[in-house]
Amino acid sequence: MASLIPRDFLSFPRLRLPLLWDELREDLEEMRVGMMVVPRGMSIYEDDKNVFVEATVAGVDPKDVEVTFDKDNRTLWIRAEVKKEEGEEKRKYYHRQVRTYSYQVMLPSSVDTSKDPDVSYRNGLLVAKFAKSPAMQPKKIPVKIAG
């Protein structure tokens, strides 16, 4: 049985709009949590007393990571870049991947902005730990027995 689609048509090169597609893909890969927009490579979670922000900064020396917290806007910025190695200028690269990371996220209103976060780095993962506001922490209410 003959095919209705010519063979040459099936091997036709696909059209690509790389710049537009890359921007669209980045927008689609962001995960929306309530009113927060969480970039890919970042996680935000909480327990009873703290809010945690984890960000991937693989291959970056901890000295080359910059963390900024704007208390007024509850905004956290994380910037990191792999610095050039000694003698790297003499190498002839056919392709070189430059690793830079830039995250910006607005934190939930439960964060206590009067305290600075504790920030740690281990194995390419940066963790910022924010204390919750005492007013936002859950309060146990005793149940009275009617009788």
N, C-alpha and C. Protein backbone atom coordinates (compact mmCIF):
# COMPACT_ATOMS: atom_id res chain seq x y z
N MET A 1 0.84 -1.17 0.00
CA MET A 1 0.00 0.00 0.00
C MET A 1 0.89 1.24 0.00
N ALA A 2 0.62 2.14 -0.88
CA ALA A 2 1.41 3.36 -1.01
C ALA A 2 1.03 4.35 0.09
N SER A 3 2.03 5.08 0.57
CA SER A 3 1.81 6.08 1.62
C SER A 3 1.28 7.36 1.00
N LEU A 4 0.39 8.03 1.70
CA LEU A 4 -0.13 9.30 1.22
C LEU A 4 0.84 10.46 1.44
N ILE A 5 1.83 10.25 2.34
CA ILE A 5 2.82 11.30 2.63
C ILE A 5 4.12 10.93 1.93
N PRO A 6 4.63 11.82 1.06
CA PRO A 6 5.88 11.51 0.36
C PRO A 6 7.04 11.37 1.35
N ARG A 7 7.99 10.48 1.04
CA ARG A 7 9.15 10.26 1.91
C ARG A 7 9.97 11.53 2.12
N ASP A 8 10.14 12.32 1.10
CA ASP A 8 10.93 13.54 1.22
C ASP A 8 10.31 14.50 2.24
N PHE A 9 9.03 14.50 2.36
CA PHE A 9 8.34 15.40 3.29
C PHE A 9 8.68 15.02 4.73
N LEU A 10 8.77 13.72 5.02
CA LEU A 10 9.06 13.26 6.38
C LEU A 10 10.47 13.63 6.81
N SER A 11 11.40 13.77 5.89
CA SER A 11 12.78 14.11 6.26
C SER A 11 13.03 15.62 6.17
N PHE A 12 12.00 16.39 5.97
CA PHE A 12 12.13 17.84 5.88
C PHE A 12 12.64 18.38 7.23
N PRO A 13 13.66 19.25 7.21
CA PRO A 13 14.20 19.75 8.48
C PRO A 13 13.15 20.57 9.25
N ARG A 14 13.16 20.41 10.55
CA ARG A 14 12.22 21.14 11.39
C ARG A 14 12.61 22.61 11.49
N LEU A 15 11.62 23.44 11.52
CA LEU A 15 11.88 24.87 11.71
C LEU A 15 12.04 25.13 13.19
N ARG A 16 13.00 25.97 13.55
CA ARG A 16 13.25 26.28 14.96
C ARG A 16 13.38 27.78 15.14
N LEU A 17 12.80 28.23 16.19
CA LEU A 17 12.99 29.61 16.61
C LEU A 17 13.64 29.55 17.98
N PRO A 18 14.97 29.39 18.05
CA PRO A 18 15.62 29.09 19.32
C PRO A 18 15.43 30.15 20.40
N LEU A 19 15.54 31.41 20.05
CA LEU A 19 15.43 32.44 21.09
C LEU A 19 14.04 32.47 21.68
N LEU A 20 13.04 32.47 20.83
CA LEU A 20 11.66 32.51 21.31
C LEU A 20 11.34 31.24 22.09
N TRP A 21 11.78 30.08 21.58
CA TRP A 21 11.49 28.81 22.25
C TRP A 21 12.16 28.75 23.62
N ASP A 22 13.43 29.19 23.71
CA ASP A 22 14.14 29.15 24.99
C ASP A 22 13.45 30.00 26.04
N GLU A 23 13.00 31.20 25.64
CA GLU A 23 12.30 32.07 26.59
C GLU A 23 10.99 31.43 27.02
N LEU A 24 10.26 30.87 26.08
CA LEU A 24 8.98 30.24 26.39
C LEU A 24 9.18 29.03 27.31
N ARG A 25 10.19 28.22 27.01
CA ARG A 25 10.47 27.04 27.82
C ARG A 25 10.83 27.43 29.25
N GLU A 26 11.66 28.47 29.41
CA GLU A 26 12.02 28.93 30.75
C GLU A 26 10.79 29.38 31.52
N ASP A 27 9.90 30.08 30.85
CA ASP A 27 8.68 30.53 31.52
C ASP A 27 7.82 29.35 31.94
N LEU A 28 7.74 28.32 31.08
CA LEU A 28 6.91 27.17 31.39
C LEU A 28 7.52 26.30 32.48
N GLU A 29 8.86 26.33 32.62
CA GLU A 29 9.51 25.49 33.61
C GLU A 29 9.45 26.08 35.01
N GLU A 30 9.06 27.35 35.13
CA GLU A 30 8.90 27.92 36.46
C GLU A 30 7.66 27.32 37.09
N MET A 31 7.76 27.05 38.37
CA MET A 31 6.64 26.46 39.07
C MET A 31 5.98 27.54 39.92
N ARG A 32 4.70 27.69 39.80
CA ARG A 32 4.00 28.69 40.58
C ARG A 32 3.45 28.06 41.85
N VAL A 33 3.78 28.65 42.98
CA VAL A 33 3.31 28.20 44.28
C VAL A 33 2.58 29.37 44.91
N GLY A 34 1.27 29.33 44.91
CA GLY A 34 0.51 30.48 45.42
C GLY A 34 0.86 31.70 44.61
N MET A 35 1.32 32.74 45.27
CA MET A 35 1.73 33.96 44.59
C MET A 35 3.23 33.98 44.33
N MET A 36 3.96 32.94 44.79
CA MET A 36 5.41 32.90 44.59
C MET A 36 5.74 32.26 43.25
N VAL A 37 6.77 32.76 42.59
CA VAL A 37 7.30 32.12 41.40
C VAL A 37 8.65 31.54 41.81
N VAL A 38 8.79 30.23 41.68
CA VAL A 38 10.00 29.54 42.11
C VAL A 38 10.79 29.12 40.88
N PRO A 39 12.00 29.65 40.68
CA PRO A 39 12.80 29.28 39.51
C PRO A 39 13.22 27.81 39.55
N ARG A 40 13.47 27.27 38.37
CA ARG A 40 13.98 25.91 38.26
C ARG A 40 15.34 25.85 38.97
N GLY A 41 15.60 24.77 39.71
CA GLY A 41 16.85 24.64 40.45
C GLY A 41 16.75 25.12 41.88
N MET A 42 15.55 25.53 42.28
CA MET A 42 15.35 26.06 43.62
C MET A 42 14.13 25.38 44.26
N SER A 43 14.22 25.13 45.57
CA SER A 43 13.10 24.58 46.33
C SER A 43 12.85 25.45 47.55
N ILE A 44 11.59 25.60 47.92
CA ILE A 44 11.22 26.33 49.12
C ILE A 44 10.28 25.43 49.91
N TYR A 45 10.60 25.24 51.19
CA TYR A 45 9.75 24.41 52.05
C TYR A 45 9.84 24.93 53.48
N GLU A 46 9.00 24.42 54.36
CA GLU A 46 8.99 24.90 55.74
C GLU A 46 8.70 23.76 56.70
N ASP A 47 9.05 24.00 57.97
CA ASP A 47 8.63 23.14 59.06
C ASP A 47 7.92 24.05 60.07
N ASP A 48 7.77 23.61 61.30
CA ASP A 48 7.02 24.40 62.28
C ASP A 48 7.68 25.74 62.61
N LYS A 49 9.02 25.80 62.58
CA LYS A 49 9.71 27.00 63.04
C LYS A 49 10.49 27.75 61.97
N ASN A 50 10.74 27.13 60.81
CA ASN A 50 11.62 27.74 59.81
C ASN A 50 11.08 27.58 58.40
N VAL A 51 11.56 28.49 57.52
CA VAL A 51 11.34 28.40 56.08
C VAL A 51 12.72 28.18 55.46
N PHE A 52 12.81 27.20 54.56
CA PHE A 52 14.09 26.85 53.94
C PHE A 52 14.04 27.15 52.44
N VAL A 53 15.15 27.67 51.93
CA VAL A 53 15.32 27.89 50.49
C VAL A 53 16.57 27.13 50.08
N GLU A 54 16.41 26.19 49.14
CA GLU A 54 17.54 25.44 48.61
C GLU A 54 17.75 25.85 47.16
N ALA A 55 19.02 26.11 46.80
CA ALA A 55 19.34 26.50 45.43
C ALA A 55 20.55 25.71 44.95
N THR A 56 20.48 25.22 43.74
CA THR A 56 21.58 24.48 43.13
C THR A 56 22.62 25.46 42.61
N VAL A 57 23.86 25.31 43.05
CA VAL A 57 24.98 26.11 42.55
C VAL A 57 26.18 25.18 42.33
N ALA A 58 25.94 24.10 41.59
CA ALA A 58 26.94 23.05 41.39
C ALA A 58 28.21 23.57 40.73
N GLY A 59 29.35 23.14 41.26
CA GLY A 59 30.64 23.47 40.68
C GLY A 59 31.17 24.85 41.04
N VAL A 60 30.46 25.58 41.89
CA VAL A 60 30.88 26.93 42.26
C VAL A 60 31.58 26.88 43.62
N ASP A 61 32.70 27.57 43.73
CA ASP A 61 33.40 27.70 45.00
C ASP A 61 32.51 28.53 45.94
N PRO A 62 32.33 28.11 47.19
CA PRO A 62 31.47 28.87 48.11
C PRO A 62 31.87 30.34 48.25
N LYS A 63 33.15 30.66 48.03
CA LYS A 63 33.60 32.06 48.10
C LYS A 63 33.05 32.90 46.95
N ASP A 64 32.61 32.23 45.87
CA ASP A 64 32.10 32.93 44.70
C ASP A 64 30.57 32.98 44.66
N VAL A 65 29.93 32.70 45.79
CA VAL A 65 28.47 32.76 45.89
C VAL A 65 28.09 34.03 46.66
N GLU A 66 27.17 34.79 46.10
CA GLU A 66 26.69 36.03 46.73
C GLU A 66 25.21 35.85 47.08
N VAL A 67 24.89 36.08 48.35
CA VAL A 67 23.51 35.97 48.83
C VAL A 67 23.11 37.32 49.39
N THR A 68 21.97 37.84 48.92
CA THR A 68 21.46 39.13 49.38
C THR A 68 20.00 38.95 49.79
N PHE A 69 19.64 39.54 50.94
CA PHE A 69 18.27 39.45 51.43
C PHE A 69 17.74 40.86 51.66
N ASP A 70 16.70 41.24 50.93
CA ASP A 70 16.04 42.54 51.09
C ASP A 70 14.89 42.33 52.07
N LYS A 71 15.07 42.80 53.30
CA LYS A 71 14.07 42.57 54.35
C LYS A 71 12.76 43.29 54.09
N ASP A 72 12.83 44.46 53.48
CA ASP A 72 11.61 45.24 53.24
C ASP A 72 10.68 44.53 52.25
N ASN A 73 11.27 43.93 51.22
CA ASN A 73 10.46 43.27 50.18
C ASN A 73 10.42 41.75 50.34
N ARG A 74 11.10 41.22 51.36
CA ARG A 74 11.19 39.77 51.58
C ARG A 74 11.72 39.05 50.33
N THR A 75 12.72 39.65 49.69
CA THR A 75 13.27 39.10 48.45
C THR A 75 14.68 38.57 48.69
N LEU A 76 14.92 37.35 48.23
CA LEU A 76 16.23 36.71 48.34
C LEU A 76 16.86 36.61 46.96
N TRP A 77 18.13 37.04 46.83
CA TRP A 77 18.89 36.92 45.59
C TRP A 77 20.07 36.01 45.86
N ILE A 78 20.30 35.09 44.95
CA ILE A 78 21.48 34.21 45.01
C ILE A 78 22.15 34.30 43.64
N ARG A 79 23.43 34.68 43.66
CA ARG A 79 24.21 34.78 42.42
C ARG A 79 25.50 34.00 42.60
N ALA A 80 25.86 33.22 41.59
CA ALA A 80 27.08 32.42 41.66
C ALA A 80 27.65 32.22 40.27
N GLU A 81 28.97 32.16 40.20
CA GLU A 81 29.63 31.97 38.90
C GLU A 81 30.92 31.20 39.10
N VAL A 82 31.18 30.25 38.20
CA VAL A 82 32.44 29.51 38.23
C VAL A 82 33.51 30.42 37.66
N LYS A 83 34.54 30.67 38.47
CA LYS A 83 35.64 31.54 38.04
C LYS A 83 36.59 30.77 37.12
N LYS A 84 37.32 31.51 36.28
CA LYS A 84 38.28 30.88 35.38
C LYS A 84 39.44 30.30 36.17
N GLU A 85 39.92 29.15 35.72
CA GLU A 85 41.06 28.51 36.36
C GLU A 85 42.35 29.13 35.86
N GLU A 86 43.43 28.93 36.61
CA GLU A 86 44.74 29.45 36.22
C GLU A 86 45.20 28.77 34.94
N GLY A 87 45.66 29.53 33.98
CA GLY A 87 46.13 28.99 32.71
C GLY A 87 45.02 28.68 31.71
N GLU A 88 43.80 29.00 32.05
CA GLU A 88 42.68 28.68 31.17
C GLU A 88 42.70 29.51 29.88
N GLU A 89 43.28 30.69 29.94
CA GLU A 89 43.34 31.56 28.75
C GLU A 89 44.18 30.94 27.63
N LYS A 90 45.13 30.06 27.99
CA LYS A 90 46.03 29.46 27.01
C LYS A 90 45.38 28.29 26.28
N ARG A 91 44.27 27.79 26.79
CA ARG A 91 43.60 26.64 26.19
C ARG A 91 42.80 27.06 24.96
N LYS A 92 42.73 26.16 24.00
CA LYS A 92 41.91 26.41 22.83
C LYS A 92 40.61 25.64 23.00
N TYR A 93 39.52 26.35 23.22
CA TYR A 93 38.22 25.71 23.43
C TYR A 93 37.44 25.66 22.12
N TYR A 94 36.82 24.53 21.87
CA TYR A 94 35.86 24.42 20.78
C TYR A 94 34.47 24.74 21.30
N HIS A 95 34.28 24.41 22.54
CA HIS A 95 33.03 24.75 23.23
C HIS A 95 33.34 24.80 24.71
N ARG A 96 32.85 25.81 25.40
CA ARG A 96 33.05 25.91 26.84
C ARG A 96 31.74 26.31 27.48
N GLN A 97 31.31 25.50 28.42
CA GLN A 97 30.09 25.81 29.13
C GLN A 97 30.44 26.71 30.31
N VAL A 98 29.83 27.88 30.34
CA VAL A 98 30.04 28.81 31.45
C VAL A 98 28.90 28.60 32.42
N ARG A 99 29.24 28.30 33.66
CA ARG A 99 28.21 28.06 34.65
C ARG A 99 28.01 29.30 35.51
N THR A 100 26.84 29.87 35.38
CA THR A 100 26.43 30.97 36.24
C THR A 100 25.04 30.65 36.75
N TYR A 101 24.76 31.08 37.94
CA TYR A 101 23.47 30.86 38.55
C TYR A 101 22.97 32.19 39.07
N SER A 102 21.70 32.44 38.86
CA SER A 102 21.08 33.66 39.37
C SER A 102 19.64 33.33 39.75
N TYR A 103 19.34 33.47 41.02
CA TYR A 103 17.99 33.19 41.51
C TYR A 103 17.46 34.42 42.24
N GLN A 104 16.21 34.67 42.07
CA GLN A 104 15.53 35.73 42.81
C GLN A 104 14.16 35.20 43.18
N VAL A 105 13.83 35.26 44.46
CA VAL A 105 12.55 34.74 44.90
C VAL A 105 12.02 35.59 46.04
N MET A 106 10.71 35.80 46.02
CA MET A 106 10.05 36.51 47.12
C MET A 106 9.59 35.47 48.12
N LEU A 107 9.94 35.67 49.37
CA LEU A 107 9.65 34.69 50.42
C LEU A 107 8.25 34.89 50.99
N PRO A 108 7.68 33.84 51.57
CA PRO A 108 6.33 33.95 52.14
C PRO A 108 6.29 34.93 53.31
N SER A 109 5.11 35.40 53.62
CA SER A 109 4.95 36.40 54.68
C SER A 109 5.23 35.83 56.07
N SER A 110 5.35 34.52 56.20
CA SER A 110 5.63 33.91 57.50
C SER A 110 7.08 34.09 57.95
N VAL A 111 7.96 34.59 57.06
CA VAL A 111 9.38 34.77 57.40
C VAL A 111 9.53 35.97 58.34
N ASP A 112 10.33 35.78 59.39
CA ASP A 112 10.64 36.85 60.33
C ASP A 112 11.77 37.70 59.73
N THR A 113 11.44 38.87 59.23
CA THR A 113 12.43 39.71 58.54
C THR A 113 13.36 40.45 59.50
N SER A 114 13.08 40.40 60.80
CA SER A 114 13.96 41.07 61.76
C SER A 114 15.24 40.27 62.01
N LYS A 115 15.26 39.00 61.62
CA LYS A 115 16.43 38.15 61.81
C LYS A 115 17.07 37.81 60.47
N ASP A 116 18.40 37.76 60.45
CA ASP A 116 19.12 37.36 59.25
C ASP A 116 19.04 35.84 59.09
N PRO A 117 19.03 35.35 57.86
CA PRO A 117 18.98 33.90 57.65
C PRO A 117 20.33 33.24 57.93
N ASP A 118 20.30 31.96 58.23
CA ASP A 118 21.51 31.14 58.31
C ASP A 118 21.70 30.54 56.93
N VAL A 119 22.89 30.74 56.34
CA VAL A 119 23.15 30.24 54.99
C VAL A 119 24.31 29.26 55.04
N SER A 120 24.10 28.08 54.45
CA SER A 120 25.16 27.07 54.40
C SER A 120 25.29 26.52 52.98
N TYR A 121 26.47 25.94 52.70
CA TYR A 121 26.76 25.41 51.37
C TYR A 121 27.40 24.04 51.54
N ARG A 122 26.87 23.07 50.81
CA ARG A 122 27.45 21.73 50.86
C ARG A 122 27.17 20.99 49.56
N ASN A 123 28.21 20.47 48.95
CA ASN A 123 28.09 19.65 47.74
C ASN A 123 27.25 20.30 46.64
N GLY A 124 27.45 21.59 46.40
CA GLY A 124 26.76 22.26 45.31
C GLY A 124 25.35 22.71 45.63
N LEU A 125 24.93 22.59 46.90
CA LEU A 125 23.59 22.99 47.30
C LEU A 125 23.69 24.07 48.38
N LEU A 126 23.11 25.21 48.10
CA LEU A 126 23.08 26.31 49.06
C LEU A 126 21.74 26.27 49.78
N VAL A 127 21.76 26.33 51.11
CA VAL A 127 20.54 26.29 51.90
C VAL A 127 20.48 27.54 52.78
N ALA A 128 19.41 28.31 52.62
CA ALA A 128 19.16 29.48 53.46
C ALA A 128 18.00 29.14 54.38
N LYS A 129 18.22 29.32 55.68
CA LYS A 129 17.21 28.96 56.69
C LYS A 129 16.72 30.25 57.35
N PHE A 130 15.43 30.51 57.20
CA PHE A 130 14.80 31.70 57.76
C PHE A 130 13.89 31.30 58.92
N ALA A 131 13.97 32.03 60.02
CA ALA A 131 13.07 31.78 61.15
C ALA A 131 11.69 32.32 60.78
N LYS A 132 10.66 31.61 61.25
CA LYS A 132 9.30 32.10 61.04
C LYS A 132 8.97 33.15 62.09
N SER A 133 8.11 34.05 61.73
CA SER A 133 7.63 35.06 62.66
C SER A 133 6.87 34.36 63.78
N PRO A 134 7.09 34.74 65.05
CA PRO A 134 6.36 34.08 66.15
C PRO A 134 4.85 34.15 65.97
N ALA A 135 4.36 35.23 65.40
CA ALA A 135 2.91 35.36 65.20
C ALA A 135 2.39 34.36 64.17
N MET A 136 3.27 33.89 63.26
CA MET A 136 2.85 32.98 62.19
C MET A 136 3.03 31.51 62.56
N GLN A 137 3.66 31.23 63.71
CA GLN A 137 3.85 29.83 64.10
C GLN A 137 2.55 29.25 64.61
N PRO A 138 2.32 27.97 64.35
CA PRO A 138 1.06 27.35 64.78
C PRO A 138 0.95 27.33 66.30
N LYS A 139 -0.22 27.53 66.77
CA LYS A 139 -0.49 27.55 68.21
C LYS A 139 -1.48 26.44 68.54
N LYS A 140 -1.12 25.61 69.51
CA LYS A 140 -2.02 24.54 69.94
C LYS A 140 -3.09 25.12 70.83
N ILE A 141 -4.30 24.71 70.60
CA ILE A 141 -5.43 25.17 71.40
C ILE A 141 -6.00 23.98 72.16
N PRO A 142 -6.06 24.07 73.49
CA PRO A 142 -6.59 22.94 74.26
C PRO A 142 -8.09 22.76 74.03
N VAL A 143 -8.52 21.52 74.06
CA VAL A 143 -9.94 21.20 73.89
C VAL A 143 -10.55 20.98 75.27
N LYS A 144 -11.61 21.72 75.54
CA LYS A 144 -12.29 21.59 76.83
C LYS A 144 -13.40 20.54 76.72
N ILE A 145 -13.56 19.79 77.76
CA ILE A 145 -14.60 18.76 77.78
C ILE A 145 -15.85 19.39 78.38
N ALA A 146 -16.89 19.42 77.59
CA ALA A 146 -18.16 20.01 78.05
C ALA A 146 -18.89 19.00 78.93
N GLY A 147 -19.45 19.47 79.96
CA GLY A 147 -20.16 18.48 80.74
C GLY A 147 -20.75 19.00 81.92
